[in-house]
């Protein structure tokens, strides 16, 4: 295994056995020679940040979504060995670099394209009523933006 890509699940962000299991796996990866990419596209729950200094940096970003990349070749003891990709609800998802082995060039992963393809293939529009607001609350500014999007889509 060269790079582990984790898409954070709701159960990972809630207290309980799934979160503890993920934190154990995260620690094992950070103690190994494997790169770690964590993709958190959930606004609810507690982020899976392994170091206090990193948690403080992420908190200051005040972002809706987050991609964290930890390259095994850059690991430090204080945890500030991550590259952070903060994402706003109003932005398209970024293209992020996926690290490979040693001097190999990164592979770009276009998250927006991937999520759109998953949505298209899974036919979520048949299972989810996108005219209803999500259970997770928005800020007042984002709420106004979402309502405008929903009005424009009709």
C-alpha atoms as a PDB file:
ATOM      1  CA  UNK A   1       0.000   0.000   0.000  1.00  0.00           C
ATOM      2  CA  UNK A   2       1.437   3.355  -1.051  1.00  0.00           C
ATOM      3  CA  UNK A   3      -1.423   5.770  -0.418  1.00  0.00           C
ATOM      4  CA  UNK A   4      -4.592   5.236   1.571  1.00  0.00           C
ATOM      5  CA  UNK A   5      -7.535   7.366   0.454  1.00  0.00           C
ATOM      6  CA  UNK A   6     -10.255   7.616   3.098  1.00  0.00           C
ATOM      7  CA  UNK A   7     -13.657   9.147   2.479  1.00  0.00           C
ATOM      8  CA  UNK A   8     -14.915  10.098   5.917  1.00  0.00           C
ATOM      9  CA  UNK A   9     -18.246   8.555   6.851  1.00  0.00           C
ATOM     10  CA  UNK A  10     -20.843   9.955   9.264  1.00  0.00           C
ATOM     11  CA  UNK A  11     -20.117   7.166  11.776  1.00  0.00           C
ATOM     12  CA  UNK A  12     -16.427   8.139  11.786  1.00  0.00           C
ATOM     13  CA  UNK A  13     -17.345  11.653  12.904  1.00  0.00           C
ATOM     14  CA  UNK A  14     -19.623  10.591  15.780  1.00  0.00           C
ATOM     15  CA  UNK A  15     -18.410   9.284  19.150  1.00  0.00           C
ATOM     16  CA  UNK A  16     -18.453   5.515  19.360  1.00  0.00           C
ATOM     17  CA  UNK A  17     -16.795   2.338  18.129  1.00  0.00           C
ATOM     18  CA  UNK A  18     -16.572   3.359  14.458  1.00  0.00           C
ATOM     19  CA  UNK A  19     -14.753   6.571  15.332  1.00  0.00           C
ATOM     20  CA  UNK A  20     -12.382   4.737  17.693  1.00  0.00           C
ATOM     21  CA  UNK A  21     -11.683   2.135  15.004  1.00  0.00           C
ATOM     22  CA  UNK A  22     -10.959   4.866  12.452  1.00  0.00           C
ATOM     23  CA  UNK A  23      -8.666   6.734  14.859  1.00  0.00           C
ATOM     24  CA  UNK A  24      -6.735   3.492  15.451  1.00  0.00           C
ATOM     25  CA  UNK A  25      -6.379   2.936  11.710  1.00  0.00           C
ATOM     26  CA  UNK A  26      -5.374   6.583  11.206  1.00  0.00           C
ATOM     27  CA  UNK A  27      -2.658   6.256  13.875  1.00  0.00           C
ATOM     28  CA  UNK A  28      -1.369   3.021  12.282  1.00  0.00           C
ATOM     29  CA  UNK A  29      -1.098   4.731   8.892  1.00  0.00           C
ATOM     30  CA  UNK A  30       0.635   7.786  10.376  1.00  0.00           C
ATOM     31  CA  UNK A  31       3.139   5.454  12.075  1.00  0.00           C
ATOM     32  CA  UNK A  32       3.853   3.666   8.784  1.00  0.00           C
ATOM     33  CA  UNK A  33       5.396   4.551   5.436  1.00  0.00           C
ATOM     34  CA  UNK A  34       1.974   4.980   3.776  1.00  0.00           C
ATOM     35  CA  UNK A  35       0.653   8.331   2.532  1.00  0.00           C
ATOM     36  CA  UNK A  36      -2.779   9.314   3.864  1.00  0.00           C
ATOM     37  CA  UNK A  37      -5.481  11.280   2.043  1.00  0.00           C
ATOM     38  CA  UNK A  38      -8.638  12.029   4.039  1.00  0.00           C
ATOM     39  CA  UNK A  39     -11.643  13.467   2.219  1.00  0.00           C
ATOM     40  CA  UNK A  40     -14.260  14.962   4.537  1.00  0.00           C
ATOM     41  CA  UNK A  41     -17.333  16.077   2.594  1.00  0.00           C
ATOM     42  CA  UNK A  42     -19.566  16.120   5.671  1.00  0.00           C
ATOM     43  CA  UNK A  43     -20.496  19.289   7.525  1.00  0.00           C
ATOM     44  CA  UNK A  44     -21.735  17.496  10.640  1.00  0.00           C
ATOM     45  CA  UNK A  45     -19.703  15.775  13.308  1.00  0.00           C
ATOM     46  CA  UNK A  46     -16.269  16.174  14.810  1.00  0.00           C
ATOM     47  CA  UNK A  47     -13.390  16.226  12.342  1.00  0.00           C
ATOM     48  CA  UNK A  48     -10.830  13.428  12.544  1.00  0.00           C
ATOM     49  CA  UNK A  49      -7.781  15.551  13.332  1.00  0.00           C
ATOM     50  CA  UNK A  50      -4.993  13.626  15.083  1.00  0.00           C
ATOM     51  CA  UNK A  51      -2.935  16.570  16.452  1.00  0.00           C
ATOM     52  CA  UNK A  52      -3.954  19.608  18.539  1.00  0.00           C
ATOM     53  CA  UNK A  53      -1.941  22.100  16.456  1.00  0.00           C
ATOM     54  CA  UNK A  54      -3.483  20.768  13.282  1.00  0.00           C
ATOM     55  CA  UNK A  55      -6.956  20.939  14.851  1.00  0.00           C
ATOM     56  CA  UNK A  56      -6.351  24.600  15.704  1.00  0.00           C
ATOM     57  CA  UNK A  57      -5.241  25.355  12.135  1.00  0.00           C
ATOM     58  CA  UNK A  58      -8.272  23.586  10.689  1.00  0.00           C
ATOM     59  CA  UNK A  59     -10.605  25.395  13.099  1.00  0.00           C
ATOM     60  CA  UNK A  60      -9.265  28.766  11.892  1.00  0.00           C
ATOM     61  CA  UNK A  61     -10.091  27.830   8.303  1.00  0.00           C
ATOM     62  CA  UNK A  62     -13.805  27.635   9.186  1.00  0.00           C
ATOM     63  CA  UNK A  63     -14.447  25.601   6.034  1.00  0.00           C
ATOM     64  CA  UNK A  64     -17.440  23.462   5.162  1.00  0.00           C
ATOM     65  CA  UNK A  65     -15.448  20.552   3.737  1.00  0.00           C
ATOM     66  CA  UNK A  66     -11.825  19.529   3.971  1.00  0.00           C
ATOM     67  CA  UNK A  67      -9.237  17.350   2.284  1.00  0.00           C
ATOM     68  CA  UNK A  68      -6.127  16.524   4.300  1.00  0.00           C
ATOM     69  CA  UNK A  69      -3.033  15.043   2.712  1.00  0.00           C
ATOM     70  CA  UNK A  70      -0.259  13.569   4.816  1.00  0.00           C
ATOM     71  CA  UNK A  71       2.857  12.508   2.914  1.00  0.00           C
ATOM     72  CA  UNK A  72       4.926   9.913   4.699  1.00  0.00           C
ATOM     73  CA  UNK A  73       8.148  11.600   3.523  1.00  0.00           C
ATOM     74  CA  UNK A  74       7.192  14.859   5.316  1.00  0.00           C
ATOM     75  CA  UNK A  75       6.057  13.464   8.657  1.00  0.00           C
ATOM     76  CA  UNK A  76       6.988  15.413  11.750  1.00  0.00           C
ATOM     77  CA  UNK A  77       6.261  14.828  15.419  1.00  0.00           C
ATOM     78  CA  UNK A  78       4.066  17.900  15.865  1.00  0.00           C
ATOM     79  CA  UNK A  79       1.477  16.941  13.256  1.00  0.00           C
ATOM     80  CA  UNK A  80       1.882  19.990  11.040  1.00  0.00           C
ATOM     81  CA  UNK A  81       2.949  17.722   8.214  1.00  0.00           C
ATOM     82  CA  UNK A  82      -0.398  17.949   6.446  1.00  0.00           C
ATOM     83  CA  UNK A  83      -1.430  19.840   3.351  1.00  0.00           C
ATOM     84  CA  UNK A  84      -4.932  21.193   3.837  1.00  0.00           C
ATOM     85  CA  UNK A  85      -7.488  21.840   1.131  1.00  0.00           C
ATOM     86  CA  UNK A  86     -10.340  23.801   2.723  1.00  0.00           C
ATOM     87  CA  UNK A  87     -13.521  23.848   0.656  1.00  0.00           C
ATOM     88  CA  UNK A  88     -16.493  26.177   0.892  1.00  0.00           C
ATOM     89  CA  UNK A  89     -20.027  24.964   0.226  1.00  0.00           C
ATOM     90  CA  UNK A  90     -20.206  27.479  -2.616  1.00  0.00           C
ATOM     91  CA  UNK A  91     -17.080  26.221  -4.402  1.00  0.00           C
ATOM     92  CA  UNK A  92     -16.602  23.375  -6.793  1.00  0.00           C
ATOM     93  CA  UNK A  93     -14.629  20.552  -5.255  1.00  0.00           C
ATOM     94  CA  UNK A  94     -10.920  20.849  -6.021  1.00  0.00           C
ATOM     95  CA  UNK A  95      -8.535  18.684  -7.930  1.00  0.00           C
ATOM     96  CA  UNK A  96      -6.159  17.324  -5.290  1.00  0.00           C
ATOM     97  CA  UNK A  97      -2.760  15.659  -5.704  1.00  0.00           C
ATOM     98  CA  UNK A  98      -2.580  12.002  -4.729  1.00  0.00           C
ATOM     99  CA  UNK A  99       0.949  11.162  -3.614  1.00  0.00           C
ATOM    100  CA  UNK A 100       2.633   8.073  -4.945  1.00  0.00           C
ATOM    101  CA  UNK A 101       5.891   6.355  -4.032  1.00  0.00           C
ATOM    102  CA  UNK A 102       9.138   8.243  -3.506  1.00  0.00           C
ATOM    103  CA  UNK A 103       9.924  10.508  -6.472  1.00  0.00           C
ATOM    104  CA  UNK A 104       6.906   9.517  -8.578  1.00  0.00           C
ATOM    105  CA  UNK A 105       4.760  12.440  -9.646  1.00  0.00           C
ATOM    106  CA  UNK A 106       1.443  12.947  -7.900  1.00  0.00           C
ATOM    107  CA  UNK A 107      -1.726  11.898  -9.681  1.00  0.00           C
ATOM    108  CA  UNK A 108      -4.434  14.567  -9.799  1.00  0.00           C
ATOM    109  CA  UNK A 109      -7.826  13.510  -8.471  1.00  0.00           C
ATOM    110  CA  UNK A 110     -10.654  15.739  -9.676  1.00  0.00           C
ATOM    111  CA  UNK A 111     -13.091  15.444  -6.777  1.00  0.00           C
ATOM    112  CA  UNK A 112     -15.860  17.415  -8.505  1.00  0.00           C
ATOM    113  CA  UNK A 113     -15.788  15.090 -11.494  1.00  0.00           C
ATOM    114  CA  UNK A 114     -15.699  11.992  -9.272  1.00  0.00           C
ATOM    115  CA  UNK A 115     -18.651  13.114  -7.136  1.00  0.00           C
ATOM    116  CA  UNK A 116     -20.695  14.112 -10.189  1.00  0.00           C
ATOM    117  CA  UNK A 117     -20.040  10.715 -11.774  1.00  0.00           C
ATOM    118  CA  UNK A 118     -20.982   8.888  -8.578  1.00  0.00           C
ATOM    119  CA  UNK A 119     -24.170  10.958  -8.354  1.00  0.00           C
ATOM    120  CA  UNK A 120     -25.004  10.201 -11.998  1.00  0.00           C
ATOM    121  CA  UNK A 121     -24.380   6.459 -11.726  1.00  0.00           C
ATOM    122  CA  UNK A 122     -26.039   5.990  -8.335  1.00  0.00           C
ATOM    123  CA  UNK A 123     -29.171   7.879  -9.437  1.00  0.00           C
ATOM    124  CA  UNK A 124     -29.333   9.759  -6.149  1.00  0.00           C
ATOM    125  CA  UNK A 125     -31.855  12.150  -7.675  1.00  0.00           C
ATOM    126  CA  UNK A 126     -34.343   9.258  -7.508  1.00  0.00           C
ATOM    127  CA  UNK A 127     -33.612   8.583  -3.829  1.00  0.00           C
ATOM    128  CA  UNK A 128     -33.070  12.084  -2.449  1.00  0.00           C
ATOM    129  CA  UNK A 129     -35.548  14.922  -2.528  1.00  0.00           C
ATOM    130  CA  UNK A 130     -33.204  17.766  -3.428  1.00  0.00           C
ATOM    131  CA  UNK A 131     -36.011  20.300  -3.068  1.00  0.00           C
ATOM    132  CA  UNK A 132     -35.907  19.744   0.723  1.00  0.00           C
ATOM    133  CA  UNK A 133     -33.275  21.356   2.850  1.00  0.00           C
ATOM    134  CA  UNK A 134     -30.668  19.027   4.367  1.00  0.00           C
ATOM    135  CA  UNK A 135     -30.850  18.042   8.029  1.00  0.00           C
ATOM    136  CA  UNK A 136     -27.509  19.706   8.751  1.00  0.00           C
ATOM    137  CA  UNK A 137     -28.106  23.455   9.227  1.00  0.00           C
ATOM    138  CA  UNK A 138     -26.491  26.108   7.057  1.00  0.00           C
ATOM    139  CA  UNK A 139     -25.209  29.507   8.094  1.00  0.00           C
ATOM    140  CA  UNK A 140     -27.725  32.277   7.281  1.00  0.00           C
ATOM    141  CA  UNK A 141     -25.589  33.394   4.319  1.00  0.00           C
ATOM    142  CA  UNK A 142     -25.315  29.881   2.920  1.00  0.00           C
ATOM    143  CA  UNK A 143     -29.013  29.284   3.558  1.00  0.00           C
ATOM    144  CA  UNK A 144     -29.902  32.260   1.359  1.00  0.00           C
ATOM    145  CA  UNK A 145     -27.521  30.978  -1.312  1.00  0.00           C
ATOM    146  CA  UNK A 146     -29.038  27.457  -1.199  1.00  0.00           C
ATOM    147  CA  UNK A 147     -32.592  28.831  -1.431  1.00  0.00           C
ATOM    148  CA  UNK A 148     -31.587  30.846  -4.486  1.00  0.00           C
ATOM    149  CA  UNK A 149     -30.111  27.732  -6.102  1.00  0.00           C
ATOM    150  CA  UNK A 150     -33.292  25.779  -5.416  1.00  0.00           C
ATOM    151  CA  UNK A 151     -35.445  28.573  -6.880  1.00  0.00           C
ATOM    152  CA  UNK A 152     -33.273  28.765  -9.996  1.00  0.00           C
ATOM    153  CA  UNK A 153     -33.467  24.974 -10.486  1.00  0.00           C
ATOM    154  CA  UNK A 154     -37.273  24.910 -10.732  1.00  0.00           C
END
